[in-house]
Amino acid sequence: MFTIVHTSDLIANGSRTVKFEGEAYDSEISFFLVDNDPGQGPGLHRHRYDETWVVLSGEVLFTADGVDINARKGDIVVVSAETPHLFRNTGSDRLQLRCIDAAARMIQEWLDDEVDVAA
């Protein structure tokens, strides 16, 4: 069995970011295809599962468990389950990330008043 999903059907909140939740497609992973402008990114949150990002273009500042991590094209960042984290496009160009969640359905616990900023 196979499924083809058109990314144009998965655009999150009218942004350029695509949100894929595997549960609807019998897949055990979920992911975001992040496409953020400078300054954009989600607020502090955590998940019950591990999360992995692959930086495809741009510059990004991750904060994980209170530690700042600068990353750019070609870098891979991994956070363990329950680790508070956020990221922000710190470059002057668009940021493109693949954000892979080790879960069939995304569950985010927001930890501050700032919520998703076009992530």
Protein backbone atom coordinates (compact mmCIF):
# COMPACT_ATOMS: atom_id res chain seq x y z
CA MET A 1 0.00 0.00 0.00
CA PHE A 2 1.13 3.57 -0.60
CA THR A 3 -0.24 7.07 -0.31
CA ILE A 4 0.68 10.26 -2.12
CA VAL A 5 0.02 13.43 -0.18
CA HIS A 6 0.19 16.79 -1.93
CA THR A 7 1.92 19.35 0.24
CA SER A 8 -0.47 22.04 -0.99
CA ASP A 9 -3.18 20.20 1.00
CA LEU A 10 -1.14 20.43 4.22
CA ILE A 11 -0.26 24.13 4.54
CA ALA A 12 -0.49 25.16 8.22
CA ASN A 13 -2.38 28.31 9.22
CA GLY A 14 -2.09 29.96 5.80
CA SER A 15 1.71 30.09 6.03
CA ARG A 16 4.27 28.45 3.75
CA THR A 17 4.93 25.75 6.36
CA VAL A 18 3.54 22.27 5.70
CA LYS A 19 2.28 20.11 8.58
CA PHE A 20 2.10 16.32 8.05
CA GLU A 21 0.64 14.12 10.77
CA GLY A 22 1.29 10.47 10.05
CA GLU A 23 -1.71 9.09 11.93
CA ALA A 24 -4.07 9.91 9.04
CA TYR A 25 -1.84 7.95 6.65
CA ASP A 26 -0.91 4.93 8.83
CA SER A 27 2.57 6.37 9.38
CA GLU A 28 4.43 6.40 12.70
CA ILE A 29 6.12 9.77 12.04
CA SER A 30 4.97 13.35 11.61
CA PHE A 31 6.84 16.38 10.34
CA PHE A 32 6.83 20.05 9.47
CA LEU A 33 8.35 21.37 6.26
CA VAL A 34 9.22 24.73 7.82
CA ASP A 35 9.55 27.81 5.61
CA ASN A 36 9.99 30.87 7.87
CA ASP A 37 10.86 34.48 7.30
CA PRO A 38 13.50 36.22 9.46
CA GLY A 39 12.40 36.40 13.10
CA GLN A 40 9.79 33.66 12.82
CA GLY A 41 9.62 30.47 14.87
CA PRO A 42 7.56 28.73 17.54
CA GLY A 43 7.48 29.67 21.22
CA LEU A 44 8.84 27.48 23.99
CA HIS A 45 7.25 24.04 24.02
CA ARG A 46 7.95 20.34 24.52
CA HIS A 47 6.75 16.96 23.29
CA ARG A 48 6.44 13.44 24.71
CA TYR A 49 8.66 12.21 21.87
CA ASP A 50 12.04 13.01 20.30
CA GLU A 51 12.26 15.70 17.62
CA THR A 52 14.89 16.06 14.88
CA TRP A 53 15.51 19.02 12.55
CA VAL A 54 17.48 19.12 9.34
CA VAL A 55 18.47 22.65 8.29
CA LEU A 56 18.09 22.96 4.52
CA SER A 57 18.75 26.69 4.17
CA GLY A 58 19.17 29.77 6.30
CA GLU A 59 20.36 30.35 9.84
CA VAL A 60 18.52 29.31 12.97
CA LEU A 61 18.94 29.65 16.72
CA PHE A 62 17.59 26.68 18.66
CA THR A 63 17.17 26.91 22.40
CA ALA A 64 16.92 23.47 24.00
CA ASP A 65 16.81 22.95 27.75
CA GLY A 66 18.03 26.56 28.18
CA VAL A 67 21.07 26.13 25.90
CA ASP A 68 21.38 28.18 22.68
CA ILE A 69 22.49 26.28 19.58
CA ASN A 70 23.27 28.07 16.29
CA ALA A 71 22.73 25.97 13.19
CA ARG A 72 22.80 26.48 9.44
CA LYS A 73 22.44 24.61 6.18
CA GLY A 74 23.46 20.96 6.53
CA ASP A 75 23.24 20.82 10.33
CA ILE A 76 21.04 18.34 12.19
CA VAL A 77 19.69 19.12 15.66
CA VAL A 78 18.04 16.51 17.90
CA VAL A 79 16.18 17.02 21.18
CA SER A 80 14.99 14.25 23.45
CA ALA A 81 11.42 13.80 24.61
CA GLU A 82 10.25 16.27 27.28
CA THR A 83 13.06 18.76 26.49
CA PRO A 84 11.76 22.37 26.43
CA HIS A 85 12.79 23.98 23.13
CA LEU A 86 12.11 26.66 20.54
CA PHE A 87 13.76 28.01 17.43
CA ARG A 88 13.93 31.30 15.58
CA ASN A 89 15.13 32.30 12.11
CA THR A 90 18.11 34.53 12.91
CA GLY A 91 19.25 35.03 9.34
CA SER A 92 18.33 37.69 6.80
CA ASP A 93 16.83 35.13 4.38
CA ARG A 94 14.14 32.48 4.57
CA LEU A 95 14.74 29.49 6.82
CA GLN A 96 13.87 26.03 5.54
CA LEU A 97 13.87 23.10 7.97
CA ARG A 98 12.59 19.57 8.05
CA CYS A 99 11.23 19.02 11.55
CA ILE A 100 10.66 15.30 12.16
CA ASP A 101 8.56 14.14 15.11
CA ALA A 102 8.83 10.53 16.31
CA ALA A 103 5.05 10.22 16.65
CA ALA A 104 2.04 9.52 14.47
CA ARG A 105 0.30 12.60 15.91
CA MET A 106 1.91 15.84 17.06
CA ILE A 107 1.22 16.90 20.63
CA GLN A 108 2.84 20.12 21.82
CA GLU A 109 2.72 21.48 25.33
CA TRP A 110 3.24 25.25 25.16
CA LEU A 111 5.40 26.46 28.06
CA ASP A 112 5.14 30.21 27.76
CA ASP A 113 2.71 32.87 26.59
CA GLU A 114 4.31 33.01 23.14
CA VAL A 115 2.71 30.56 20.75
CA ASP A 116 3.58 29.45 17.25
CA VAL A 117 4.90 32.33 15.12
CA ALA A 118 4.36 31.00 11.58
CA ALA A 119 6.23 27.79 12.30
